[in-house]
Amino acid sequence: MPSDESPIYAELVRQWASAGRTLPGATDLEWTRLVRFPPPQAAPPDAFGPQPPYRGRLHLNRHPV
């Protein structure tokens, strides 16, 4: 820790470190774990079949075309 840091900041860093929190300038292990694997691929838009046609404000099948 550089000597020009304030005592308040130094105390906060000690408290954060003792609580296991991520510190400024330190490696964030949780972030490292999260970005290790690529995100899952999204399903194509028609993977679950075609969407029903829009039929008015309520979008119900009460009035067949």
Protein backbone atom coordinates (compact mmCIF):
# COMPACT_ATOMS: atom_id res chain seq x y z
CA MET A 1 0.00 0.00 0.00
CA PRO A 2 1.49 3.36 -0.98
CA SER A 3 2.31 5.73 1.88
CA ASP A 4 0.21 8.58 0.41
CA GLU A 5 -3.11 6.77 1.04
CA SER A 6 -5.32 8.15 3.76
CA PRO A 7 -5.71 6.23 7.03
CA ILE A 8 -9.47 6.00 6.42
CA TYR A 9 -8.92 4.25 3.07
CA ALA A 10 -6.33 1.93 4.59
CA GLU A 11 -8.76 0.95 7.34
CA LEU A 12 -11.53 0.32 4.79
CA VAL A 13 -9.22 -1.91 2.77
CA ARG A 14 -8.38 -3.90 5.92
CA GLN A 15 -12.08 -4.29 6.75
CA TRP A 16 -12.97 -5.32 3.19
CA ALA A 17 -10.11 -7.83 3.08
CA SER A 18 -11.13 -9.38 6.41
CA ALA A 19 -14.72 -9.69 5.12
CA GLY A 20 -13.53 -11.42 1.93
CA ARG A 21 -14.67 -8.61 -0.36
CA THR A 22 -13.09 -7.71 -3.68
CA LEU A 23 -10.45 -5.04 -3.28
CA PRO A 24 -9.56 -2.30 -5.75
CA GLY A 25 -6.66 -3.45 -7.91
CA ALA A 26 -6.96 -7.10 -6.84
CA THR A 27 -8.06 -10.00 -9.04
CA ASP A 28 -11.80 -10.69 -8.74
CA LEU A 29 -12.03 -14.49 -8.50
CA GLU A 30 -15.81 -14.57 -8.90
CA TRP A 31 -15.60 -12.61 -12.17
CA THR A 32 -12.80 -14.89 -13.36
CA ARG A 33 -15.01 -17.95 -12.75
CA LEU A 34 -17.99 -16.36 -14.50
CA VAL A 35 -16.12 -15.48 -17.69
CA ARG A 36 -14.20 -18.76 -17.92
CA PHE A 37 -16.91 -20.45 -20.01
CA PRO A 38 -18.77 -19.06 -23.04
CA PRO A 39 -22.47 -18.24 -22.64
CA PRO A 40 -25.02 -20.85 -23.78
CA GLN A 41 -26.22 -20.54 -27.34
CA ALA A 42 -29.72 -19.15 -27.75
CA ALA A 43 -32.34 -21.32 -29.43
CA PRO A 44 -33.33 -20.25 -32.94
CA PRO A 45 -36.58 -18.20 -33.02
CA ASP A 46 -38.61 -21.06 -34.54
CA ALA A 47 -37.27 -23.80 -32.24
CA PHE A 48 -40.64 -24.15 -30.52
CA GLY A 49 -42.76 -23.93 -33.66
CA PRO A 50 -44.33 -20.93 -35.37
CA GLN A 51 -45.95 -18.22 -33.30
CA PRO A 52 -49.76 -17.97 -33.53
CA PRO A 53 -51.01 -15.12 -35.70
CA TYR A 54 -51.91 -11.86 -33.98
CA ARG A 55 -55.69 -11.50 -33.93
CA GLY A 56 -56.60 -8.20 -32.37
CA ARG A 57 -56.03 -6.55 -29.06
CA LEU A 58 -56.61 -9.60 -26.85
CA HIS A 59 -54.57 -12.04 -29.00
CA LEU A 60 -57.05 -14.88 -28.47
CA ASN A 61 -58.31 -17.52 -30.88
CA ARG A 62 -61.99 -16.59 -30.40
CA HIS A 63 -62.39 -15.23 -33.91
CA PRO A 64 -60.92 -17.58 -36.51
CA VAL A 65 -59.98 -16.04 -39.81
